[in-house]
Amino acid sequence: MVDFSRTAVRVAALTGVAALALTGCTKTSSTTAAPAADCTPQTAGLTTFTAGTLTVGVPENPPYTKLTGAEASGMEIDIVKKLAAAECLAVAWVPITYANGIAMINNQKRTDLITGGWYVTEARAQQVGFTTPTYYDQMAIISKTGVDTVAGLETIGAVGSGTGFSWQDDMTKVLGDKLKTYPSTAEMKQDLQAGRIQAALDGYGVAVEAYRGTDFQVKQSQADTRIAITTDKPISAFPIDKNNKALSDALSTLIDGYRTDGTLVTVAGEYGLAADLVVPADAAATSLR
C-alpha cells in the first residue's frame, strides 16, 4: 500500500506493491460547480472521460484525502481543486479503495486520476501514468519520548507497525519478535495509548494527523542503512490515465508551478507537515512519468 487499509496509507499508497484487486463498480460521486462561462483554461483542448469534468478517485486517508458526504477534503484535494480551476474543469469526486483505485483508471476507465498519497513505482507505472511528484513520504516513529532513530527502537520495548509497509521486512530483521503488526492505524494507536507497545511506525503524514492533540511525539526517522526507506524516501504523485498524456502534462506543468511558487509548501503547512516533504525540482524531473 499487504493490507489495503483504512486510516493509514497501506499497500496501494505507501509500498511498492501494485494494487490489482477490483472490488466492484463505485456508483456514488459528487460534483463541484461548473466553472464560469468565461473561464479560460491554462491549456486548450484537454479531454477527460466526461467532457468538462475531472473525475477524481478519493480514498479515506487523512490528511491526504477524505470524503464526507458530497464534500472531499485533504491536502491532495486542495491541490486538485486548484488544478481543476486552472483548467476550467468541474470536479466529480468518486469514492475508491486502495484495492480498486488503479483499476478505476486503467480497467473501468471511471476516473481520470486518483488521490490518496500513492507511491510512484516501476510496477505501477506499467499500468497507469503519473503526474510530476508532489511530496516525499517517510517512516514516522511515534512515541512519548520522541525517539527518532532505529537504534532507539531497539531498546524502547515493543514496537507496532501497520501490515504491508515497505519497511516491514527490514524492521523485522532489526527488531525480531519485538515488532508487532496491525491492520490499521486505529488498532495500533489503541495499543500505543494503552501501553501495550512503546512505539509505533506509520507513514509520516498519516501519523501527524492521527496523533494530533495527543501527548505522543511524531518524528521522521533518521537515516539508517538497515532500513531502506530511511535512506531512499518514496515519492507520491497522482496516478492518471496513461493514454491521456496531454492531461498529465498539463497538470504536471501546473504542479511544477506550485512547487516553484511555494504553493506545495503552503498546502503541506496547512496540515502540519514540514516544507522538506516537498519533492524538489531536480528530483521531480527524474521521476517516472
C-alpha atoms as a PDB file:
ATOM      1  CA  MET A   1       0.000   0.000   0.000  1.00  0.00           C
ATOM      2  CA  VAL A   2      -0.332  -6.432   2.322  1.00  0.00           C
ATOM      3  CA  ASP A   3      -3.357  -4.545   3.719  1.00  0.00           C
ATOM      4  CA  PHE A   4      -5.456  -2.192   1.575  1.00  0.00           C
ATOM      5  CA  SER A   5      -6.134  -0.406   4.757  1.00  0.00           C
ATOM      6  CA  ARG A   6      -8.406   2.030   6.359  1.00  0.00           C
ATOM      7  CA  THR A   7      -6.783   5.025   8.002  1.00  0.00           C
ATOM      8  CA  ALA A   8      -3.097   4.508   7.329  1.00  0.00           C
ATOM      9  CA  VAL A   9      -1.680   4.587   3.819  1.00  0.00           C
ATOM     10  CA  ARG A  10      -1.115   0.967   3.020  1.00  0.00           C
ATOM     11  CA  VAL A  11      -0.058  -1.147   0.092  1.00  0.00           C
ATOM     12  CA  ALA A  12      -1.546   0.776  -2.784  1.00  0.00           C
ATOM     13  CA  ALA A  13      -0.376   4.085  -1.418  1.00  0.00           C
ATOM     14  CA  LEU A  14       2.753   3.504   0.586  1.00  0.00           C
ATOM     15  CA  THR A  15       4.572   0.414  -0.596  1.00  0.00           C
ATOM     16  CA  GLY A  16       5.964  -0.806  -3.872  1.00  0.00           C
ATOM     17  CA  VAL A  17       3.283  -3.463  -4.382  1.00  0.00           C
ATOM     18  CA  ALA A  18       0.771  -2.736  -7.143  1.00  0.00           C
ATOM     19  CA  ALA A  19      -2.887  -2.929  -6.195  1.00  0.00           C
ATOM     20  CA  LEU A  20      -4.666  -5.114  -8.681  1.00  0.00           C
ATOM     21  CA  ALA A  21      -7.767  -6.229  -6.823  1.00  0.00           C
ATOM     22  CA  LEU A  22     -11.090  -4.966  -8.128  1.00  0.00           C
ATOM     23  CA  THR A  23     -13.845  -4.611  -5.578  1.00  0.00           C
ATOM     24  CA  GLY A  24     -16.690  -3.719  -7.872  1.00  0.00           C
ATOM     25  CA  CYS A  25     -18.075  -0.623  -9.537  1.00  0.00           C
ATOM     26  CA  THR A  26     -18.324   2.517  -7.465  1.00  0.00           C
ATOM     27  CA  LYS A  27     -21.539   4.308  -8.321  1.00  0.00           C
ATOM     28  CA  THR A  28     -21.580   7.232  -5.929  1.00  0.00           C
ATOM     29  CA  SER A  29     -19.997  10.557  -6.851  1.00  0.00           C
ATOM     30  CA  SER A  30     -20.439  14.244  -6.221  1.00  0.00           C
ATOM     31  CA  THR A  31     -19.537  17.134  -8.463  1.00  0.00           C
ATOM     32  CA  THR A  32     -18.267  20.647  -7.827  1.00  0.00           C
ATOM     33  CA  ALA A  33     -19.911  23.593  -9.531  1.00  0.00           C
ATOM     34  CA  ALA A  34     -19.092  24.147 -13.188  1.00  0.00           C
ATOM     35  CA  PRO A  35     -16.593  26.929 -13.912  1.00  0.00           C
ATOM     36  CA  ALA A  36     -17.782  30.320 -15.126  1.00  0.00           C
ATOM     37  CA  ALA A  37     -18.742  30.515 -18.778  1.00  0.00           C
ATOM     38  CA  ASP A  38     -15.942  32.987 -19.467  1.00  0.00           C
ATOM     39  CA  CYS A  39     -13.253  30.844 -17.781  1.00  0.00           C
ATOM     40  CA  THR A  40     -10.121  30.494 -19.922  1.00  0.00           C
ATOM     41  CA  PRO A  41      -8.205  27.234 -19.321  1.00  0.00           C
ATOM     42  CA  GLN A  42      -4.476  27.262 -18.822  1.00  0.00           C
ATOM     43  CA  THR A  43      -4.235  24.579 -21.532  1.00  0.00           C
ATOM     44  CA  ALA A  44      -6.553  24.484 -24.534  1.00  0.00           C
ATOM     45  CA  GLY A  45      -8.029  21.282 -25.931  1.00  0.00           C
ATOM     46  CA  LEU A  46      -7.791  18.977 -22.916  1.00  0.00           C
ATOM     47  CA  THR A  47     -10.062  15.939 -22.854  1.00  0.00           C
ATOM     48  CA  THR A  48     -11.369  13.953 -19.887  1.00  0.00           C
ATOM     49  CA  PHE A  49     -13.520  10.840 -19.552  1.00  0.00           C
ATOM     50  CA  THR A  50     -16.510  13.132 -19.007  1.00  0.00           C
ATOM     51  CA  ALA A  51     -16.327  16.319 -21.049  1.00  0.00           C
ATOM     52  CA  GLY A  52     -15.763  19.382 -18.894  1.00  0.00           C
ATOM     53  CA  THR A  53     -15.286  17.378 -15.710  1.00  0.00           C
ATOM     54  CA  LEU A  54     -12.195  15.979 -13.996  1.00  0.00           C
ATOM     55  CA  THR A  55     -13.267  12.708 -12.373  1.00  0.00           C
ATOM     56  CA  VAL A  56     -11.156  12.070  -9.276  1.00  0.00           C
ATOM     57  CA  GLY A  57     -10.956   8.940  -7.106  1.00  0.00           C
ATOM     58  CA  VAL A  58     -10.889   9.641  -3.366  1.00  0.00           C
ATOM     59  CA  PRO A  59      -9.955   7.030  -0.715  1.00  0.00           C
ATOM     60  CA  GLU A  60     -10.292   7.541   3.026  1.00  0.00           C
ATOM     61  CA  ASN A  61      -6.795   8.553   4.105  1.00  0.00           C
ATOM     62  CA  PRO A  62      -6.382  11.769   6.126  1.00  0.00           C
ATOM     63  CA  PRO A  63      -4.570  14.093   5.838  1.00  0.00           C
ATOM     64  CA  TYR A  64      -4.251  13.342   2.111  1.00  0.00           C
ATOM     65  CA  THR A  65      -7.889  12.652   1.313  1.00  0.00           C
ATOM     66  CA  LYS A  66     -11.275  12.327   2.947  1.00  0.00           C
ATOM     67  CA  LEU A  67     -14.793  12.141   1.523  1.00  0.00           C
ATOM     68  CA  THR A  68     -17.612  13.193   3.816  1.00  0.00           C
ATOM     69  CA  GLY A  69     -20.964  13.030   2.108  1.00  0.00           C
ATOM     70  CA  ALA A  70     -20.640  15.139  -1.015  1.00  0.00           C
ATOM     71  CA  GLU A  71     -17.544  17.022   0.129  1.00  0.00           C
ATOM     72  CA  ALA A  72     -13.945  15.922  -0.451  1.00  0.00           C
ATOM     73  CA  SER A  73     -11.166  17.365   1.693  1.00  0.00           C
ATOM     74  CA  GLY A  74      -7.473  16.914   2.433  1.00  0.00           C
ATOM     75  CA  MET A  75      -4.130  18.225   1.218  1.00  0.00           C
ATOM     76  CA  GLU A  76      -4.276  16.429  -2.134  1.00  0.00           C
ATOM     77  CA  ILE A  77      -7.867  17.525  -2.623  1.00  0.00           C
ATOM     78  CA  ASP A  78      -6.762  21.127  -2.137  1.00  0.00           C
ATOM     79  CA  ILE A  79      -4.221  20.675  -4.923  1.00  0.00           C
ATOM     80  CA  VAL A  80      -6.722  19.001  -7.262  1.00  0.00           C
ATOM     81  CA  LYS A  81      -9.207  21.834  -6.771  1.00  0.00           C
ATOM     82  CA  LYS A  82      -6.512  24.314  -7.841  1.00  0.00           C
ATOM     83  CA  LEU A  83      -5.652  22.184 -10.888  1.00  0.00           C
ATOM     84  CA  ALA A  84      -9.263  21.875 -11.977  1.00  0.00           C
ATOM     85  CA  ALA A  85      -9.921  25.594 -11.525  1.00  0.00           C
ATOM     86  CA  ALA A  86      -6.861  26.454 -13.627  1.00  0.00           C
ATOM     87  CA  GLU A  87      -8.127  24.221 -16.435  1.00  0.00           C
ATOM     88  CA  CYS A  88     -11.774  25.365 -16.121  1.00  0.00           C
ATOM     89  CA  LEU A  89     -12.987  21.898 -15.161  1.00  0.00           C
ATOM     90  CA  ALA A  90     -15.697  20.844 -12.741  1.00  0.00           C
ATOM     91  CA  VAL A  91     -14.629  18.004 -10.417  1.00  0.00           C
ATOM     92  CA  ALA A  92     -16.519  14.776  -9.776  1.00  0.00           C
ATOM     93  CA  TRP A  93     -15.382  13.048  -6.576  1.00  0.00           C
ATOM     94  CA  VAL A  94     -15.680   9.248  -6.697  1.00  0.00           C
ATOM     95  CA  PRO A  95     -15.047   7.122  -3.593  1.00  0.00           C
ATOM     96  CA  ILE A  96     -12.412   4.417  -4.138  1.00  0.00           C
ATOM     97  CA  THR A  97     -10.403   1.973  -2.065  1.00  0.00           C
ATOM     98  CA  TYR A  98      -6.708   1.189  -2.292  1.00  0.00           C
ATOM     99  CA  ALA A  99      -7.710  -2.174  -3.757  1.00  0.00           C
ATOM    100  CA  ASN A 100      -9.600  -0.798  -6.732  1.00  0.00           C
ATOM    101  CA  GLY A 101      -8.019   2.613  -7.340  1.00  0.00           C
ATOM    102  CA  ILE A 102      -5.661   1.670 -10.157  1.00  0.00           C
ATOM    103  CA  ALA A 103      -8.337  -0.416 -11.858  1.00  0.00           C
ATOM    104  CA  MET A 104     -10.734   2.521 -11.772  1.00  0.00           C
ATOM    105  CA  ILE A 105      -8.344   4.235 -14.192  1.00  0.00           C
ATOM    106  CA  ASN A 106      -6.990   1.540 -16.467  1.00  0.00           C
ATOM    107  CA  ASN A 107      -9.733  -1.129 -16.464  1.00  0.00           C
ATOM    108  CA  GLN A 108     -13.018   0.548 -15.676  1.00  0.00           C
ATOM    109  CA  LYS A 109     -11.981   3.942 -17.069  1.00  0.00           C
ATOM    110  CA  ARG A 110     -14.115   5.596 -14.401  1.00  0.00           C
ATOM    111  CA  THR A 111     -11.593   8.152 -13.119  1.00  0.00           C
ATOM    112  CA  ASP A 112      -9.139  10.485 -14.829  1.00  0.00           C
ATOM    113  CA  LEU A 113      -6.842  10.427 -11.818  1.00  0.00           C
ATOM    114  CA  ILE A 114      -6.823   9.209  -8.220  1.00  0.00           C
ATOM    115  CA  THR A 115      -5.687  10.734  -4.956  1.00  0.00           C
ATOM    116  CA  GLY A 116      -4.514   9.374  -1.625  1.00  0.00           C
ATOM    117  CA  GLY A 117      -0.712   9.558  -1.402  1.00  0.00           C
ATOM    118  CA  TRP A 118       0.179   6.894  -3.980  1.00  0.00           C
ATOM    119  CA  TYR A 119       3.856   5.997  -4.305  1.00  0.00           C
ATOM    120  CA  VAL A 120       5.471   6.183  -7.727  1.00  0.00           C
ATOM    121  CA  THR A 121       6.789   2.694  -8.567  1.00  0.00           C
ATOM    122  CA  GLU A 122       8.036   0.916 -11.665  1.00  0.00           C
ATOM    123  CA  ALA A 123       5.317  -1.729 -11.374  1.00  0.00           C
ATOM    124  CA  ARG A 124       2.569   0.846 -11.096  1.00  0.00           C
ATOM    125  CA  ALA A 125       3.976   2.855 -13.989  1.00  0.00           C
ATOM    126  CA  GLN A 126       3.304  -0.140 -16.238  1.00  0.00           C
ATOM    127  CA  GLN A 127      -0.413   0.257 -15.550  1.00  0.00           C
ATOM    128  CA  VAL A 128      -1.035   3.987 -15.201  1.00  0.00           C
ATOM    129  CA  GLY A 129       0.671   7.281 -15.829  1.00  0.00           C
ATOM    130  CA  PHE A 130       1.809   9.687 -13.116  1.00  0.00           C
ATOM    131  CA  THR A 131       1.814  13.425 -12.822  1.00  0.00           C
ATOM    132  CA  THR A 132       5.002  15.097 -11.688  1.00  0.00           C
ATOM    133  CA  PRO A 133       5.505  14.226  -7.997  1.00  0.00           C
ATOM    134  CA  THR A 134       4.358  16.322  -5.072  1.00  0.00           C
ATOM    135  CA  TYR A 135       5.585  15.074  -1.697  1.00  0.00           C
ATOM    136  CA  TYR A 136       8.016  12.661  -0.130  1.00  0.00           C
ATOM    137  CA  ASP A 137       6.810  10.215   2.469  1.00  0.00           C
ATOM    138  CA  GLN A 138       8.892   8.874   5.340  1.00  0.00           C
ATOM    139  CA  MET A 139       8.707   6.321   8.092  1.00  0.00           C
ATOM    140  CA  ALA A 140       7.462   8.060  11.219  1.00  0.00           C
ATOM    141  CA  ILE A 141       8.286   6.935  14.732  1.00  0.00           C
ATOM    142  CA  ILE A 142       5.594   7.697  17.292  1.00  0.00           C
ATOM    143  CA  SER A 143       6.433   7.606  20.996  1.00  0.00           C
ATOM    144  CA  LYS A 144       6.071   9.608  24.189  1.00  0.00           C
ATOM    145  CA  THR A 145       9.812  10.198  24.425  1.00  0.00           C
ATOM    146  CA  GLY A 146      10.452  11.481  20.898  1.00  0.00           C
ATOM    147  CA  VAL A 147      12.579   8.617  19.612  1.00  0.00           C
ATOM    148  CA  ASP A 148      13.737   9.333  16.055  1.00  0.00           C
ATOM    149  CA  THR A 149      16.295   6.592  15.368  1.00  0.00           C
ATOM    150  CA  VAL A 150      16.067   2.893  14.616  1.00  0.00           C
ATOM    151  CA  ALA A 151      18.734   2.329  17.253  1.00  0.00           C
ATOM    152  CA  GLY A 152      16.406   3.933  19.791  1.00  0.00           C
ATOM    153  CA  LEU A 153      13.687   1.484  18.856  1.00  0.00           C
ATOM    154  CA  GLU A 154      15.961  -1.450  19.682  1.00  0.00           C
ATOM    155  CA  THR A 155      15.811  -0.644  23.401  1.00  0.00           C
ATOM    156  CA  ILE A 156      12.417   1.031  23.801  1.00  0.00           C
ATOM    157  CA  GLY A 157      10.347  -2.158  24.122  1.00  0.00           C
ATOM    158  CA  ALA A 158       7.552  -3.463  21.893  1.00  0.00           C
ATOM    159  CA  VAL A 159       7.070  -1.595  18.609  1.00  0.00           C
ATOM    160  CA  GLY A 160       3.965  -1.590  16.409  1.00  0.00           C
ATOM    161  CA  SER A 161       3.751  -1.256  12.641  1.00  0.00           C
ATOM    162  CA  GLY A 162       0.992  -1.369  10.089  1.00  0.00           C
ATOM    163  CA  THR A 163       0.980  -4.510   7.984  1.00  0.00           C
ATOM    164  CA  GLY A 164       2.347  -4.187   4.465  1.00  0.00           C
ATOM    165  CA  PHE A 165       4.570  -1.139   4.792  1.00  0.00           C
ATOM    166  CA  SER A 166       7.763  -1.293   2.772  1.00  0.00           C
ATOM    167  CA  TRP A 167       9.918  -1.194   5.894  1.00  0.00           C
ATOM    168  CA  GLN A 168       8.353  -4.292   7.462  1.00  0.00           C
ATOM    169  CA  ASP A 169      10.957  -6.851   6.352  1.00  0.00           C
ATOM    170  CA  ASP A 170      13.853  -4.583   7.265  1.00  0.00           C
ATOM    171  CA  MET A 171      12.417  -3.754  10.678  1.00  0.00           C
ATOM    172  CA  THR A 172      11.683  -7.410  11.385  1.00  0.00           C
ATOM    173  CA  LYS A 173      15.368  -8.188  10.869  1.00  0.00           C
ATOM    174  CA  VAL A 174      16.298  -5.479  13.355  1.00  0.00           C
ATOM    175  CA  LEU A 175      13.590  -5.912  15.998  1.00  0.00           C
ATOM    176  CA  GLY A 176      12.626  -9.576  15.660  1.00  0.00           C
ATOM    177  CA  ASP A 177       9.665 -10.557  17.824  1.00  0.00           C
ATOM    178  CA  LYS A 178       9.533  -7.104  19.415  1.00  0.00           C
ATOM    179  CA  LEU A 179       7.805  -5.890  16.244  1.00  0.00           C
ATOM    180  CA  LYS A 180       4.009  -6.294  16.287  1.00  0.00           C
ATOM    181  CA  THR A 181       1.897  -5.705  13.170  1.00  0.00           C
ATOM    182  CA  TYR A 182      -1.566  -4.171  12.942  1.00  0.00           C
ATOM    183  CA  PRO A 183      -4.198  -3.983  10.195  1.00  0.00           C
ATOM    184  CA  SER A 184      -4.611  -0.211  10.570  1.00  0.00           C
ATOM    185  CA  THR A 185      -3.506   2.900  12.391  1.00  0.00           C
ATOM    186  CA  ALA A 186      -6.572   2.788  14.646  1.00  0.00           C
ATOM    187  CA  GLU A 187      -5.765  -0.556  16.272  1.00  0.00           C
ATOM    188  CA  MET A 188      -2.087   0.330  16.610  1.00  0.00           C
ATOM    189  CA  LYS A 189      -2.899   3.678  18.218  1.00  0.00           C
ATOM    190  CA  GLN A 190      -5.143   1.955  20.763  1.00  0.00           C
ATOM    191  CA  ASP A 191      -2.319  -0.357  21.848  1.00  0.00           C
ATOM    192  CA  LEU A 192       0.164   2.520  21.998  1.00  0.00           C
ATOM    193  CA  GLN A 193      -2.161   4.577  24.182  1.00  0.00           C
ATOM    194  CA  ALA A 194      -2.811   1.552  26.404  1.00  0.00           C
ATOM    195  CA  GLY A 195       0.927   0.944  26.870  1.00  0.00           C
ATOM    196  CA  ARG A 196       0.899  -2.462  25.191  1.00  0.00           C
ATOM    197  CA  ILE A 197       3.535  -1.150  22.784  1.00  0.00           C
ATOM    198  CA  GLN A 198       6.039   1.629  23.477  1.00  0.00           C
ATOM    199  CA  ALA A 199       6.439   2.999  19.951  1.00  0.00           C
ATOM    200  CA  ALA A 200       4.661   2.791  16.608  1.00  0.00           C
ATOM    201  CA  LEU A 201       5.698   3.098  12.968  1.00  0.00           C
ATOM    202  CA  ASP A 202       3.456   4.719  10.377  1.00  0.00           C
ATOM    203  CA  GLY A 203       3.578   6.935   7.313  1.00  0.00           C
ATOM    204  CA  TYR A 204       4.634  10.406   8.429  1.00  0.00           C
ATOM    205  CA  GLY A 205       1.693  12.386   7.048  1.00  0.00           C
ATOM    206  CA  VAL A 206      -0.852   9.916   8.391  1.00  0.00           C
ATOM    207  CA  ALA A 207       0.843   9.851  11.797  1.00  0.00           C
ATOM    208  CA  VAL A 208       0.873  13.645  12.156  1.00  0.00           C
ATOM    209  CA  GLU A 209      -2.873  13.656  11.563  1.00  0.00           C
ATOM    210  CA  ALA A 210      -3.646  10.611  13.716  1.00  0.00           C
ATOM    211  CA  TYR A 211      -1.739  11.774  16.795  1.00  0.00           C
ATOM    212  CA  ARG A 212      -2.594  15.472  16.634  1.00  0.00           C
ATOM    213  CA  GLY A 213      -3.661  16.679  20.083  1.00  0.00           C
ATOM    214  CA  THR A 214      -2.211  13.668  21.948  1.00  0.00           C
ATOM    215  CA  ASP A 215       0.853  13.529  24.190  1.00  0.00           C
ATOM    216  CA  PHE A 216       2.723  11.392  21.643  1.00  0.00           C
ATOM    217  CA  GLN A 217       5.522  12.817  19.526  1.00  0.00           C
ATOM    218  CA  VAL A 218       5.721  12.068  15.801  1.00  0.00           C
ATOM    219  CA  LYS A 219       9.255  12.116  14.411  1.00  0.00           C
ATOM    220  CA  GLN A 220      10.642  11.400  10.963  1.00  0.00           C
ATOM    221  CA  SER A 221      13.103   8.537  11.326  1.00  0.00           C
ATOM    222  CA  GLN A 222      16.730   9.475  10.895  1.00  0.00           C
ATOM    223  CA  ALA A 223      18.607   7.609   8.178  1.00  0.00           C
ATOM    224  CA  ASP A 224      19.710   4.073   8.997  1.00  0.00           C
ATOM    225  CA  THR A 225      21.283   1.905   6.309  1.00  0.00           C
ATOM    226  CA  ARG A 226      19.491  -1.162   7.697  1.00  0.00           C
ATOM    227  CA  ILE A 227      16.071   0.319   6.801  1.00  0.00           C
ATOM    228  CA  ALA A 228      15.923   1.150   3.097  1.00  0.00           C
ATOM    229  CA  ILE A 229      13.024   3.600   3.285  1.00  0.00           C
ATOM    230  CA  THR A 230      15.001   5.885   5.620  1.00  0.00           C
ATOM    231  CA  THR A 231      17.742   6.421   3.031  1.00  0.00           C
ATOM    232  CA  ASP A 232      15.638   6.302  -0.156  1.00  0.00           C
ATOM    233  CA  LYS A 233      12.412   8.171   0.573  1.00  0.00           C
ATOM    234  CA  PRO A 234       9.426   7.242  -1.612  1.00  0.00           C
ATOM    235  CA  ILE A 235       7.677   9.968  -3.565  1.00  0.00           C
ATOM    236  CA  SER A 236       3.983  10.496  -4.162  1.00  0.00           C
ATOM    237  CA  ALA A 237       2.226  11.646  -7.324  1.00  0.00           C
ATOM    238  CA  PHE A 238      -1.255  11.453  -8.818  1.00  0.00           C
ATOM    239  CA  PRO A 239      -1.864   8.256 -10.814  1.00  0.00           C
ATOM    240  CA  ILE A 240      -3.561   9.283 -14.054  1.00  0.00           C
ATOM    241  CA  ASP A 241      -4.855   7.819 -17.315  1.00  0.00           C
ATOM    242  CA  LYS A 242      -1.740   6.565 -19.108  1.00  0.00           C
ATOM    243  CA  ASN A 243      -3.272   7.299 -22.507  1.00  0.00           C
ATOM    244  CA  ASN A 244      -4.101  10.918 -21.758  1.00  0.00           C
ATOM    245  CA  LYS A 245      -0.621  12.411 -21.871  1.00  0.00           C
ATOM    246  CA  ALA A 246      -1.923  15.869 -22.712  1.00  0.00           C
ATOM    247  CA  LEU A 247      -3.887  15.974 -19.452  1.00  0.00           C
ATOM    248  CA  SER A 248      -0.979  14.557 -17.456  1.00  0.00           C
ATOM    249  CA  ASP A 249       1.453  17.066 -18.949  1.00  0.00           C
ATOM    250  CA  ALA A 250      -0.903  19.999 -18.353  1.00  0.00           C
ATOM    251  CA  LEU A 251      -1.494  19.098 -14.712  1.00  0.00           C
ATOM    252  CA  SER A 252       2.215  18.398 -14.211  1.00  0.00           C
ATOM    253  CA  THR A 253       3.111  21.838 -15.532  1.00  0.00           C
ATOM    254  CA  LEU A 254       0.720  23.395 -13.034  1.00  0.00           C
ATOM    255  CA  ILE A 255       2.079  21.271 -10.161  1.00  0.00           C
ATOM    256  CA  ASP A 256       5.646  22.238 -11.072  1.00  0.00           C
ATOM    257  CA  GLY A 257       4.482  25.847 -10.888  1.00  0.00           C
ATOM    258  CA  TYR A 258       3.073  25.198  -7.408  1.00  0.00           C
ATOM    259  CA  ARG A 259       6.461  23.744  -6.473  1.00  0.00           C
ATOM    260  CA  THR A 260       8.226  26.909  -7.633  1.00  0.00           C
ATOM    261  CA  ASP A 261       5.832  29.490  -6.189  1.00  0.00           C
ATOM    262  CA  GLY A 262       5.585  27.809  -2.766  1.00  0.00           C
ATOM    263  CA  THR A 263       2.008  26.543  -3.062  1.00  0.00           C
ATOM    264  CA  LEU A 264       3.006  22.938  -2.261  1.00  0.00           C
ATOM    265  CA  VAL A 265       4.847  24.134   0.833  1.00  0.00           C
ATOM    266  CA  THR A 266       1.857  26.213   1.908  1.00  0.00           C
ATOM    267  CA  VAL A 267      -0.588  23.331   1.456  1.00  0.00           C
ATOM    268  CA  ALA A 268       1.642  20.964   3.454  1.00  0.00           C
ATOM    269  CA  GLY A 269       1.973  23.535   6.218  1.00  0.00           C
ATOM    270  CA  GLU A 270      -1.791  23.870   6.498  1.00  0.00           C
ATOM    271  CA  TYR A 271      -1.850  20.204   7.506  1.00  0.00           C
ATOM    272  CA  GLY A 272       1.060  20.471   9.929  1.00  0.00           C
ATOM    273  CA  LEU A 273       3.644  18.962   7.585  1.00  0.00           C
ATOM    274  CA  ALA A 274       7.166  20.235   7.034  1.00  0.00           C
ATOM    275  CA  ALA A 275       8.360  22.061   3.929  1.00  0.00           C
ATOM    276  CA  ASP A 276      11.124  19.494   3.342  1.00  0.00           C
ATOM    277  CA  LEU A 277       8.490  16.939   2.306  1.00  0.00           C
ATOM    278  CA  VAL A 278       8.003  18.787  -0.990  1.00  0.00           C
ATOM    279  CA  VAL A 279       9.895  16.980  -3.763  1.00  0.00           C
ATOM    280  CA  PRO A 280      12.420  19.488  -5.198  1.00  0.00           C
ATOM    281  CA  ALA A 281      12.537  20.288  -8.894  1.00  0.00           C
ATOM    282  CA  ASP A 282      15.672  18.260  -9.658  1.00  0.00           C
ATOM    283  CA  ALA A 283      14.229  15.094  -8.119  1.00  0.00           C
ATOM    284  CA  ALA A 284      10.850  15.686  -9.729  1.00  0.00           C
ATOM    285  CA  ALA A 285      12.464  15.967 -13.157  1.00  0.00           C
ATOM    286  CA  THR A 286      13.852  12.418 -12.928  1.00  0.00           C
ATOM    287  CA  SER A 287      10.680  10.788 -11.586  1.00  0.00           C
ATOM    288  CA  LEU A 288       8.744   8.183 -13.561  1.00  0.00           C
ATOM    289  CA  ARG A 289       6.102   9.774 -15.801  1.00  0.00           C
END
